[in-house]
């Protein structure tokens, strides 16, 4: 099943070029109060939601996918975990190009020595939300990645059991400002963790270790590879991450990017595809700068 979140937080099922509105299925989610759970409520209760969808689907209203605004399929992840240099080809290009990382030690790290890193949850965005270049004076790159979402509480999970802890998969864009700062800082501006177009439930992706992925900018293919070339696959990443911290339902994991990363400019259009999952189309625009009038208004408020 392909579950999407669209428009004003509607829940949909994508079928072909249509989306079926199954928002009433959210009625099965339990009520909660402060302090709120660390889980994403939809993902934590996904089996119940899917069961409810099956009773609603025949009467659901459909709309063309082209007419809806696609948001991230996960609304409230507790963590966004990311895997650096998880393709040997990307590690090779990082080592060969100082512009990709100004820390010489980091250029020689592998994922096993560098470990994982966290991105701010405020960086999460859907494919219909443009990537805004917040630092126009800095090189900002695209990185296409397979994304998976944790479906069950996971701690010290062996790789032999790890795939059972995955709720589903999405296409991800890990947008990255180049420079000397820590990875998590440069990769966490608002909108720099794009996830979509939907969550494909894990039952539809029996082998996440053999999926073609590619990204084109303005029609020109820049990245093209296969998840079989990841240094650590999905199961190994669940094992690795859960050995350091507890993973909760709704936590999002970016699995790393292959070679071919490159800079973005205002007006660019990215098209990223992963076989078996789908395609996201994301526009790039410049950040709006405060006007002198708005700055003076802000000053007056202090």
C-alpha atoms as a PDB file:
ATOM      1  CA  UNK A   1       0.000   0.000   0.000  1.00  0.00           C
ATOM      2  CA  UNK A   2       1.177   3.518  -0.821  1.00  0.00           C
ATOM      3  CA  UNK A   3       0.129   5.869   1.979  1.00  0.00           C
ATOM      4  CA  UNK A   4       0.437   9.600   1.461  1.00  0.00           C
ATOM      5  CA  UNK A   5      -0.269  12.735   3.460  1.00  0.00           C
ATOM      6  CA  UNK A   6      -1.603  15.569   1.340  1.00  0.00           C
ATOM      7  CA  UNK A   7      -3.134  19.057   1.392  1.00  0.00           C
ATOM      8  CA  UNK A   8      -4.303  19.912   4.943  1.00  0.00           C
ATOM      9  CA  UNK A   9      -3.027  16.670   6.533  1.00  0.00           C
ATOM     10  CA  UNK A  10      -5.410  14.386   4.654  1.00  0.00           C
ATOM     11  CA  UNK A  11      -4.529  10.669   4.513  1.00  0.00           C
ATOM     12  CA  UNK A  12      -4.542   9.057   1.107  1.00  0.00           C
ATOM     13  CA  UNK A  13      -3.817   5.832  -0.727  1.00  0.00           C
ATOM     14  CA  UNK A  14      -2.049   6.322  -4.046  1.00  0.00           C
ATOM     15  CA  UNK A  15      -3.125   4.047  -6.883  1.00  0.00           C
ATOM     16  CA  UNK A  16      -1.749   4.809 -10.327  1.00  0.00           C
ATOM     17  CA  UNK A  17      -2.237   8.510 -11.016  1.00  0.00           C
ATOM     18  CA  UNK A  18      -4.963   8.939  -8.383  1.00  0.00           C
ATOM     19  CA  UNK A  19      -5.106   9.410  -4.641  1.00  0.00           C
ATOM     20  CA  UNK A  20      -8.035   8.022  -2.642  1.00  0.00           C
ATOM     21  CA  UNK A  21      -8.945  10.040   0.438  1.00  0.00           C
ATOM     22  CA  UNK A  22      -9.125   7.689   3.426  1.00  0.00           C
ATOM     23  CA  UNK A  23      -8.759  10.326   6.146  1.00  0.00           C
ATOM     24  CA  UNK A  24     -11.590   8.810   8.278  1.00  0.00           C
ATOM     25  CA  UNK A  25      -9.229   5.877   8.976  1.00  0.00           C
ATOM     26  CA  UNK A  26      -7.345   8.197  11.327  1.00  0.00           C
ATOM     27  CA  UNK A  27     -10.281   7.865  13.741  1.00  0.00           C
ATOM     28  CA  UNK A  28      -8.710   4.627  15.008  1.00  0.00           C
ATOM     29  CA  UNK A  29      -5.716   6.520  16.416  1.00  0.00           C
ATOM     30  CA  UNK A  30      -5.781   6.641  20.223  1.00  0.00           C
ATOM     31  CA  UNK A  31      -6.309   9.954  21.965  1.00  0.00           C
ATOM     32  CA  UNK A  32      -3.220  11.297  23.713  1.00  0.00           C
ATOM     33  CA  UNK A  33      -2.359  14.113  26.054  1.00  0.00           C
ATOM     34  CA  UNK A  34       0.732  15.806  27.385  1.00  0.00           C
ATOM     35  CA  UNK A  35       3.370  14.478  27.730  1.00  0.00           C
ATOM     36  CA  UNK A  36       2.858  13.147  24.218  1.00  0.00           C
ATOM     37  CA  UNK A  37       4.383   9.821  23.120  1.00  0.00           C
ATOM     38  CA  UNK A  38       7.712   9.863  21.291  1.00  0.00           C
ATOM     39  CA  UNK A  39       6.179   7.825  18.475  1.00  0.00           C
ATOM     40  CA  UNK A  40       4.464   9.075  15.344  1.00  0.00           C
ATOM     41  CA  UNK A  41       0.854   8.067  16.068  1.00  0.00           C
ATOM     42  CA  UNK A  42       0.065   6.952  12.519  1.00  0.00           C
ATOM     43  CA  UNK A  43       3.122   4.718  12.205  1.00  0.00           C
ATOM     44  CA  UNK A  44       2.779   3.327  15.743  1.00  0.00           C
ATOM     45  CA  UNK A  45      -0.787   2.242  14.893  1.00  0.00           C
ATOM     46  CA  UNK A  46      -0.230   1.403  11.235  1.00  0.00           C
ATOM     47  CA  UNK A  47      -1.785  -2.109  11.275  1.00  0.00           C
ATOM     48  CA  UNK A  48      -5.016  -0.716  12.737  1.00  0.00           C
ATOM     49  CA  UNK A  49      -5.056   2.151  10.231  1.00  0.00           C
ATOM     50  CA  UNK A  50      -4.491  -0.199   7.290  1.00  0.00           C
ATOM     51  CA  UNK A  51      -7.273  -2.489   8.524  1.00  0.00           C
ATOM     52  CA  UNK A  52      -9.641   0.478   8.757  1.00  0.00           C
ATOM     53  CA  UNK A  53      -8.646   1.641   5.269  1.00  0.00           C
ATOM     54  CA  UNK A  54      -9.703  -1.735   3.871  1.00  0.00           C
ATOM     55  CA  UNK A  55     -13.260  -1.102   5.082  1.00  0.00           C
ATOM     56  CA  UNK A  56     -13.354   2.453   3.695  1.00  0.00           C
ATOM     57  CA  UNK A  57     -11.589   2.151   0.381  1.00  0.00           C
ATOM     58  CA  UNK A  58     -14.534   1.137  -1.790  1.00  0.00           C
ATOM     59  CA  UNK A  59     -16.338   4.389  -0.953  1.00  0.00           C
ATOM     60  CA  UNK A  60     -13.291   6.690  -0.864  1.00  0.00           C
ATOM     61  CA  UNK A  61     -13.306   9.741  -3.136  1.00  0.00           C
ATOM     62  CA  UNK A  62     -10.400   9.912  -5.571  1.00  0.00           C
ATOM     63  CA  UNK A  63      -8.526  12.893  -6.974  1.00  0.00           C
ATOM     64  CA  UNK A  64      -5.736  13.173  -9.528  1.00  0.00           C
ATOM     65  CA  UNK A  65      -2.334  13.104  -7.836  1.00  0.00           C
ATOM     66  CA  UNK A  66      -1.402  16.109  -9.941  1.00  0.00           C
ATOM     67  CA  UNK A  67      -4.039  18.160  -8.106  1.00  0.00           C
ATOM     68  CA  UNK A  68      -2.860  17.508  -4.536  1.00  0.00           C
ATOM     69  CA  UNK A  69      -0.031  18.933  -2.459  1.00  0.00           C
ATOM     70  CA  UNK A  70       2.098  16.052  -1.210  1.00  0.00           C
ATOM     71  CA  UNK A  71       3.577  16.369   2.281  1.00  0.00           C
ATOM     72  CA  UNK A  72       6.016  14.084   4.056  1.00  0.00           C
ATOM     73  CA  UNK A  73       4.183  10.800   4.690  1.00  0.00           C
ATOM     74  CA  UNK A  74       5.446  10.878   8.295  1.00  0.00           C
ATOM     75  CA  UNK A  75       4.301  13.940  10.215  1.00  0.00           C
ATOM     76  CA  UNK A  76       6.044  13.622  13.583  1.00  0.00           C
ATOM     77  CA  UNK A  77       9.269  11.616  13.561  1.00  0.00           C
ATOM     78  CA  UNK A  78      11.092  11.566  16.864  1.00  0.00           C
ATOM     79  CA  UNK A  79      14.427  11.363  15.043  1.00  0.00           C
ATOM     80  CA  UNK A  80      15.822  11.702  11.544  1.00  0.00           C
ATOM     81  CA  UNK A  81      18.857   9.417  11.353  1.00  0.00           C
ATOM     82  CA  UNK A  82      21.249   9.599   8.415  1.00  0.00           C
ATOM     83  CA  UNK A  83      24.075   7.449   7.094  1.00  0.00           C
ATOM     84  CA  UNK A  84      27.131   9.299   5.713  1.00  0.00           C
ATOM     85  CA  UNK A  85      29.369   7.972   2.916  1.00  0.00           C
ATOM     86  CA  UNK A  86      27.412   4.712   2.623  1.00  0.00           C
ATOM     87  CA  UNK A  87      28.287   4.079  -1.025  1.00  0.00           C
ATOM     88  CA  UNK A  88      31.923   3.429  -1.928  1.00  0.00           C
ATOM     89  CA  UNK A  89      31.520   5.495  -5.098  1.00  0.00           C
ATOM     90  CA  UNK A  90      30.424   8.522  -3.053  1.00  0.00           C
ATOM     91  CA  UNK A  91      33.258   7.992  -0.581  1.00  0.00           C
ATOM     92  CA  UNK A  92      35.674   7.975  -3.520  1.00  0.00           C
ATOM     93  CA  UNK A  93      34.324  11.256  -4.897  1.00  0.00           C
ATOM     94  CA  UNK A  94      34.444  12.881  -1.447  1.00  0.00           C
ATOM     95  CA  UNK A  95      38.082  11.860  -1.080  1.00  0.00           C
ATOM     96  CA  UNK A  96      38.868  13.225  -4.539  1.00  0.00           C
ATOM     97  CA  UNK A  97      37.094  16.583  -4.199  1.00  0.00           C
ATOM     98  CA  UNK A  98      37.967  18.860  -1.235  1.00  0.00           C
ATOM     99  CA  UNK A  99      34.894  20.992  -2.039  1.00  0.00           C
ATOM    100  CA  UNK A 100      32.663  18.184  -0.794  1.00  0.00           C
ATOM    101  CA  UNK A 101      34.082  18.334   2.718  1.00  0.00           C
ATOM    102  CA  UNK A 102      36.629  20.688   4.215  1.00  0.00           C
ATOM    103  CA  UNK A 103      37.524  18.389   7.109  1.00  0.00           C
ATOM    104  CA  UNK A 104      40.379  16.196   5.861  1.00  0.00           C
ATOM    105  CA  UNK A 105      39.779  13.503   8.496  1.00  0.00           C
ATOM    106  CA  UNK A 106      36.110  13.231   7.506  1.00  0.00           C
ATOM    107  CA  UNK A 107      37.088  12.700   3.881  1.00  0.00           C
ATOM    108  CA  UNK A 108      38.887   9.495   4.864  1.00  0.00           C
ATOM    109  CA  UNK A 109      36.187   8.164   7.196  1.00  0.00           C
ATOM    110  CA  UNK A 110      33.987   5.245   6.227  1.00  0.00           C
ATOM    111  CA  UNK A 111      30.507   4.859   7.661  1.00  0.00           C
ATOM    112  CA  UNK A 112      31.804   2.273  10.125  1.00  0.00           C
ATOM    113  CA  UNK A 113      34.244   4.798  11.620  1.00  0.00           C
ATOM    114  CA  UNK A 114      32.205   7.970  11.099  1.00  0.00           C
ATOM    115  CA  UNK A 115      29.015   6.448  12.516  1.00  0.00           C
ATOM    116  CA  UNK A 116      25.558   7.873  11.890  1.00  0.00           C
ATOM    117  CA  UNK A 117      24.328  11.421  12.454  1.00  0.00           C
ATOM    118  CA  UNK A 118      21.033  13.147  13.245  1.00  0.00           C
ATOM    119  CA  UNK A 119      19.182  15.801  11.273  1.00  0.00           C
ATOM    120  CA  UNK A 120      16.774  18.261  12.864  1.00  0.00           C
ATOM    121  CA  UNK A 121      13.160  17.143  12.600  1.00  0.00           C
ATOM    122  CA  UNK A 122      12.336  20.721  11.578  1.00  0.00           C
ATOM    123  CA  UNK A 123      14.202  20.020   8.316  1.00  0.00           C
ATOM    124  CA  UNK A 124      11.492  17.560   7.213  1.00  0.00           C
ATOM    125  CA  UNK A 125       9.475  18.490   4.116  1.00  0.00           C
ATOM    126  CA  UNK A 126       7.312  16.897   1.459  1.00  0.00           C
ATOM    127  CA  UNK A 127       7.970  16.894  -2.290  1.00  0.00           C
ATOM    128  CA  UNK A 128       5.429  19.657  -2.949  1.00  0.00           C
ATOM    129  CA  UNK A 129       7.334  22.015  -0.658  1.00  0.00           C
ATOM    130  CA  UNK A 130      10.138  23.682  -2.597  1.00  0.00           C
ATOM    131  CA  UNK A 131      13.738  23.383  -1.443  1.00  0.00           C
ATOM    132  CA  UNK A 132      14.739  26.889  -0.399  1.00  0.00           C
ATOM    133  CA  UNK A 133      18.416  27.825  -0.701  1.00  0.00           C
ATOM    134  CA  UNK A 134      18.844  29.481   2.681  1.00  0.00           C
ATOM    135  CA  UNK A 135      22.569  30.159   2.143  1.00  0.00           C
ATOM    136  CA  UNK A 136      22.826  31.463  -1.430  1.00  0.00           C
ATOM    137  CA  UNK A 137      26.508  32.276  -0.985  1.00  0.00           C
ATOM    138  CA  UNK A 138      27.311  28.638  -0.112  1.00  0.00           C
ATOM    139  CA  UNK A 139      27.377  25.580  -2.345  1.00  0.00           C
ATOM    140  CA  UNK A 140      24.256  23.477  -1.641  1.00  0.00           C
ATOM    141  CA  UNK A 141      24.063  19.959  -3.100  1.00  0.00           C
ATOM    142  CA  UNK A 142      21.430  17.341  -3.860  1.00  0.00           C
ATOM    143  CA  UNK A 143      21.752  13.794  -2.491  1.00  0.00           C
ATOM    144  CA  UNK A 144      19.155  11.176  -3.476  1.00  0.00           C
ATOM    145  CA  UNK A 145      18.660   8.408  -0.919  1.00  0.00           C
ATOM    146  CA  UNK A 146      16.476   5.457  -0.036  1.00  0.00           C
ATOM    147  CA  UNK A 147      14.574   6.306   3.141  1.00  0.00           C
ATOM    148  CA  UNK A 148      12.989   3.828   5.507  1.00  0.00           C
ATOM    149  CA  UNK A 149      10.675   4.387   8.458  1.00  0.00           C
ATOM    150  CA  UNK A 150      10.833   2.450  11.714  1.00  0.00           C
ATOM    151  CA  UNK A 151       7.570   0.689  12.576  1.00  0.00           C
ATOM    152  CA  UNK A 152       8.319  -0.842  15.988  1.00  0.00           C
ATOM    153  CA  UNK A 153      10.355   0.139  19.020  1.00  0.00           C
ATOM    154  CA  UNK A 154      13.867  -1.100  18.277  1.00  0.00           C
ATOM    155  CA  UNK A 155      16.818  -1.500  20.635  1.00  0.00           C
ATOM    156  CA  UNK A 156      19.793  -3.822  20.089  1.00  0.00           C
ATOM    157  CA  UNK A 157      18.139  -5.464  17.081  1.00  0.00           C
ATOM    158  CA  UNK A 158      20.233  -8.099  15.262  1.00  0.00           C
ATOM    159  CA  UNK A 159      20.407  -7.694  11.496  1.00  0.00           C
ATOM    160  CA  UNK A 160      18.750 -11.101  11.036  1.00  0.00           C
ATOM    161  CA  UNK A 161      15.540  -9.648  12.512  1.00  0.00           C
ATOM    162  CA  UNK A 162      15.918  -6.012  11.475  1.00  0.00           C
ATOM    163  CA  UNK A 163      13.640  -5.841   8.429  1.00  0.00           C
ATOM    164  CA  UNK A 164      10.676  -6.804  10.623  1.00  0.00           C
ATOM    165  CA  UNK A 165      11.107  -3.435  12.365  1.00  0.00           C
ATOM    166  CA  UNK A 166      10.636  -1.412   9.153  1.00  0.00           C
ATOM    167  CA  UNK A 167       7.185   0.059   8.440  1.00  0.00           C
ATOM    168  CA  UNK A 168       7.930   1.157   4.893  1.00  0.00           C
ATOM    169  CA  UNK A 169      10.069   3.008   2.386  1.00  0.00           C
ATOM    170  CA  UNK A 170      10.181   6.384   0.621  1.00  0.00           C
ATOM    171  CA  UNK A 171      12.331   8.454  -1.695  1.00  0.00           C
ATOM    172  CA  UNK A 172      14.546  10.936   0.136  1.00  0.00           C
ATOM    173  CA  UNK A 173      16.564  14.039  -0.712  1.00  0.00           C
ATOM    174  CA  UNK A 174      19.265  14.939   1.793  1.00  0.00           C
ATOM    175  CA  UNK A 175      20.038  18.553   0.834  1.00  0.00           C
ATOM    176  CA  UNK A 176      23.479  19.598   2.020  1.00  0.00           C
ATOM    177  CA  UNK A 177      25.289  22.889   2.525  1.00  0.00           C
ATOM    178  CA  UNK A 178      29.030  22.387   1.920  1.00  0.00           C
ATOM    179  CA  UNK A 179      31.501  23.787   4.390  1.00  0.00           C
ATOM    180  CA  UNK A 180      33.536  23.098   7.525  1.00  0.00           C
ATOM    181  CA  UNK A 181      30.704  22.777  10.035  1.00  0.00           C
ATOM    182  CA  UNK A 182      29.414  19.481  11.463  1.00  0.00           C
ATOM    183  CA  UNK A 183      27.256  17.413   9.096  1.00  0.00           C
ATOM    184  CA  UNK A 184      24.114  17.641  11.209  1.00  0.00           C
ATOM    185  CA  UNK A 185      24.338  21.443  11.210  1.00  0.00           C
ATOM    186  CA  UNK A 186      24.841  21.806   7.457  1.00  0.00           C
ATOM    187  CA  UNK A 187      22.095  19.296   6.633  1.00  0.00           C
ATOM    188  CA  UNK A 188      19.396  20.616   8.985  1.00  0.00           C
ATOM    189  CA  UNK A 189      18.079  23.892   7.534  1.00  0.00           C
ATOM    190  CA  UNK A 190      14.310  23.978   7.095  1.00  0.00           C
ATOM    191  CA  UNK A 191      13.179  21.802   4.207  1.00  0.00           C
ATOM    192  CA  UNK A 192      16.507  19.996   3.697  1.00  0.00           C
ATOM    193  CA  UNK A 193      15.108  16.514   4.453  1.00  0.00           C
ATOM    194  CA  UNK A 194      12.612  15.851   1.668  1.00  0.00           C
ATOM    195  CA  UNK A 195      10.628  12.589   1.962  1.00  0.00           C
ATOM    196  CA  UNK A 196       7.929  11.242  -0.332  1.00  0.00           C
ATOM    197  CA  UNK A 197       5.924  10.907  -2.429  1.00  0.00           C
ATOM    198  CA  UNK A 198       4.369   8.346  -0.079  1.00  0.00           C
ATOM    199  CA  UNK A 199       5.226   5.529   2.298  1.00  0.00           C
ATOM    200  CA  UNK A 200       5.295   2.183   0.519  1.00  0.00           C
ATOM    201  CA  UNK A 201       4.530  -0.414   3.175  1.00  0.00           C
ATOM    202  CA  UNK A 202       7.284  -2.933   3.786  1.00  0.00           C
ATOM    203  CA  UNK A 203       5.291  -5.878   2.429  1.00  0.00           C
ATOM    204  CA  UNK A 204       5.616  -4.359  -1.063  1.00  0.00           C
ATOM    205  CA  UNK A 205       9.430  -4.084  -0.867  1.00  0.00           C
ATOM    206  CA  UNK A 206      10.702  -7.583  -0.047  1.00  0.00           C
ATOM    207  CA  UNK A 207      14.303  -6.715  -0.965  1.00  0.00           C
ATOM    208  CA  UNK A 208      15.333  -3.112  -0.204  1.00  0.00           C
ATOM    209  CA  UNK A 209      18.878  -4.122  -1.081  1.00  0.00           C
ATOM    210  CA  UNK A 210      18.228  -4.233  -4.816  1.00  0.00           C
ATOM    211  CA  UNK A 211      16.480  -1.022  -5.860  1.00  0.00           C
ATOM    212  CA  UNK A 212      17.613   1.272  -8.645  1.00  0.00           C
ATOM    213  CA  UNK A 213      17.749   4.957  -7.752  1.00  0.00           C
ATOM    214  CA  UNK A 214      18.459   8.035  -9.838  1.00  0.00           C
ATOM    215  CA  UNK A 215      18.193  11.800  -9.775  1.00  0.00           C
ATOM    216  CA  UNK A 216      18.005  14.301 -12.616  1.00  0.00           C
ATOM    217  CA  UNK A 217      18.272  18.086 -12.428  1.00  0.00           C
ATOM    218  CA  UNK A 218      16.564  19.992 -15.249  1.00  0.00           C
ATOM    219  CA  UNK A 219      16.367  16.755 -17.222  1.00  0.00           C
ATOM    220  CA  UNK A 220      20.059  15.874 -16.844  1.00  0.00           C
ATOM    221  CA  UNK A 221      20.785  12.649 -14.938  1.00  0.00           C
ATOM    222  CA  UNK A 222      23.349  13.323 -12.219  1.00  0.00           C
ATOM    223  CA  UNK A 223      23.017  10.335  -9.884  1.00  0.00           C
ATOM    224  CA  UNK A 224      22.246   6.744 -10.821  1.00  0.00           C
ATOM    225  CA  UNK A 225      22.997   3.628  -8.801  1.00  0.00           C
ATOM    226  CA  UNK A 226      21.457   0.687  -6.951  1.00  0.00           C
ATOM    227  CA  UNK A 227      20.951   0.082  -3.232  1.00  0.00           C
ATOM    228  CA  UNK A 228      22.909  -3.173  -3.650  1.00  0.00           C
ATOM    229  CA  UNK A 229      25.991  -0.922  -3.632  1.00  0.00           C
ATOM    230  CA  UNK A 230      25.378   0.397  -0.130  1.00  0.00           C
ATOM    231  CA  UNK A 231      28.160  -0.413   2.317  1.00  0.00           C
ATOM    232  CA  UNK A 232      25.631  -1.018   5.095  1.00  0.00           C
ATOM    233  CA  UNK A 233      22.214  -2.193   3.925  1.00  0.00           C
ATOM    234  CA  UNK A 234      18.882  -1.513   5.605  1.00  0.00           C
ATOM    235  CA  UNK A 235      19.181  -4.417   8.052  1.00  0.00           C
ATOM    236  CA  UNK A 236      22.722  -3.427   9.029  1.00  0.00           C
ATOM    237  CA  UNK A 237      21.649   0.187   9.542  1.00  0.00           C
ATOM    238  CA  UNK A 238      18.839  -0.855  11.887  1.00  0.00           C
ATOM    239  CA  UNK A 239      21.302  -2.998  13.820  1.00  0.00           C
ATOM    240  CA  UNK A 240      23.916  -0.214  13.928  1.00  0.00           C
ATOM    241  CA  UNK A 241      21.520   2.576  14.918  1.00  0.00           C
ATOM    242  CA  UNK A 242      19.662   0.523  17.531  1.00  0.00           C
ATOM    243  CA  UNK A 243      22.946  -0.416  19.188  1.00  0.00           C
ATOM    244  CA  UNK A 244      23.399   3.261  20.132  1.00  0.00           C
ATOM    245  CA  UNK A 245      19.873   4.527  20.758  1.00  0.00           C
ATOM    246  CA  UNK A 246      16.269   3.422  20.847  1.00  0.00           C
ATOM    247  CA  UNK A 247      14.402   3.761  17.565  1.00  0.00           C
ATOM    248  CA  UNK A 248      10.712   4.586  17.836  1.00  0.00           C
ATOM    249  CA  UNK A 249       7.827   4.138  15.366  1.00  0.00           C
ATOM    250  CA  UNK A 250       8.003   6.990  12.890  1.00  0.00           C
ATOM    251  CA  UNK A 251      11.756   7.543  13.138  1.00  0.00           C
ATOM    252  CA  UNK A 252      13.106   8.210   9.647  1.00  0.00           C
ATOM    253  CA  UNK A 253      16.407   6.798   8.376  1.00  0.00           C
ATOM    254  CA  UNK A 254      18.243   8.196   5.335  1.00  0.00           C
ATOM    255  CA  UNK A 255      20.493   5.436   3.992  1.00  0.00           C
ATOM    256  CA  UNK A 256      23.177   7.454   2.168  1.00  0.00           C
ATOM    257  CA  UNK A 257      23.734   8.701  -1.353  1.00  0.00           C
ATOM    258  CA  UNK A 258      25.739   7.390  -4.316  1.00  0.00           C
ATOM    259  CA  UNK A 259      28.208   9.416  -6.358  1.00  0.00           C
ATOM    260  CA  UNK A 260      27.148  12.272  -8.609  1.00  0.00           C
ATOM    261  CA  UNK A 261      26.170  14.831  -5.984  1.00  0.00           C
ATOM    262  CA  UNK A 262      26.129  18.353  -7.365  1.00  0.00           C
ATOM    263  CA  UNK A 263      25.157  21.953  -6.670  1.00  0.00           C
ATOM    264  CA  UNK A 264      21.672  23.398  -6.896  1.00  0.00           C
ATOM    265  CA  UNK A 265      20.566  26.815  -8.089  1.00  0.00           C
ATOM    266  CA  UNK A 266      17.286  28.747  -7.891  1.00  0.00           C
ATOM    267  CA  UNK A 267      14.953  27.627 -10.666  1.00  0.00           C
ATOM    268  CA  UNK A 268      16.270  24.044 -10.763  1.00  0.00           C
ATOM    269  CA  UNK A 269      13.842  21.146 -10.793  1.00  0.00           C
ATOM    270  CA  UNK A 270      14.897  17.830  -9.269  1.00  0.00           C
ATOM    271  CA  UNK A 271      13.293  14.545 -10.249  1.00  0.00           C
ATOM    272  CA  UNK A 272      14.265  11.621  -8.018  1.00  0.00           C
ATOM    273  CA  UNK A 273      13.093   8.042  -8.545  1.00  0.00           C
ATOM    274  CA  UNK A 274      13.551   4.769  -6.694  1.00  0.00           C
ATOM    275  CA  UNK A 275      12.306   1.582  -8.320  1.00  0.00           C
ATOM    276  CA  UNK A 276       9.317   0.038  -6.584  1.00  0.00           C
ATOM    277  CA  UNK A 277       8.627   3.234  -4.628  1.00  0.00           C
ATOM    278  CA  UNK A 278       7.992   6.158  -6.947  1.00  0.00           C
ATOM    279  CA  UNK A 279       9.148   9.576  -8.071  1.00  0.00           C
ATOM    280  CA  UNK A 280       9.326  12.972  -6.414  1.00  0.00           C
ATOM    281  CA  UNK A 281       9.598  16.235  -8.306  1.00  0.00           C
ATOM    282  CA  UNK A 282      10.970  19.109  -6.264  1.00  0.00           C
ATOM    283  CA  UNK A 283      11.542  22.729  -7.250  1.00  0.00           C
ATOM    284  CA  UNK A 284      14.438  24.822  -5.956  1.00  0.00           C
ATOM    285  CA  UNK A 285      14.052  28.494  -5.145  1.00  0.00           C
ATOM    286  CA  UNK A 286      15.955  31.282  -3.471  1.00  0.00           C
ATOM    287  CA  UNK A 287      15.161  32.308   0.071  1.00  0.00           C
ATOM    288  CA  UNK A 288      13.093  35.426   0.532  1.00  0.00           C
ATOM    289  CA  UNK A 289      15.140  38.119   2.202  1.00  0.00           C
ATOM    290  CA  UNK A 290      13.604  40.392   4.863  1.00  0.00           C
ATOM    291  CA  UNK A 291      12.794  43.840   3.533  1.00  0.00           C
ATOM    292  CA  UNK A 292      14.099  46.960   5.338  1.00  0.00           C
ATOM    293  CA  UNK A 293      10.512  47.669   6.385  1.00  0.00           C
ATOM    294  CA  UNK A 294      10.059  44.229   7.969  1.00  0.00           C
ATOM    295  CA  UNK A 295      13.394  44.518   9.767  1.00  0.00           C
ATOM    296  CA  UNK A 296      12.452  47.908  11.194  1.00  0.00           C
ATOM    297  CA  UNK A 297       9.116  46.447  12.301  1.00  0.00           C
ATOM    298  CA  UNK A 298      10.895  43.631  14.055  1.00  0.00           C
ATOM    299  CA  UNK A 299      13.206  46.079  15.798  1.00  0.00           C
ATOM    300  CA  UNK A 300      10.236  48.100  16.964  1.00  0.00           C
ATOM    301  CA  UNK A 301       8.827  45.045  18.651  1.00  0.00           C
ATOM    302  CA  UNK A 302      11.773  44.724  21.026  1.00  0.00           C
END
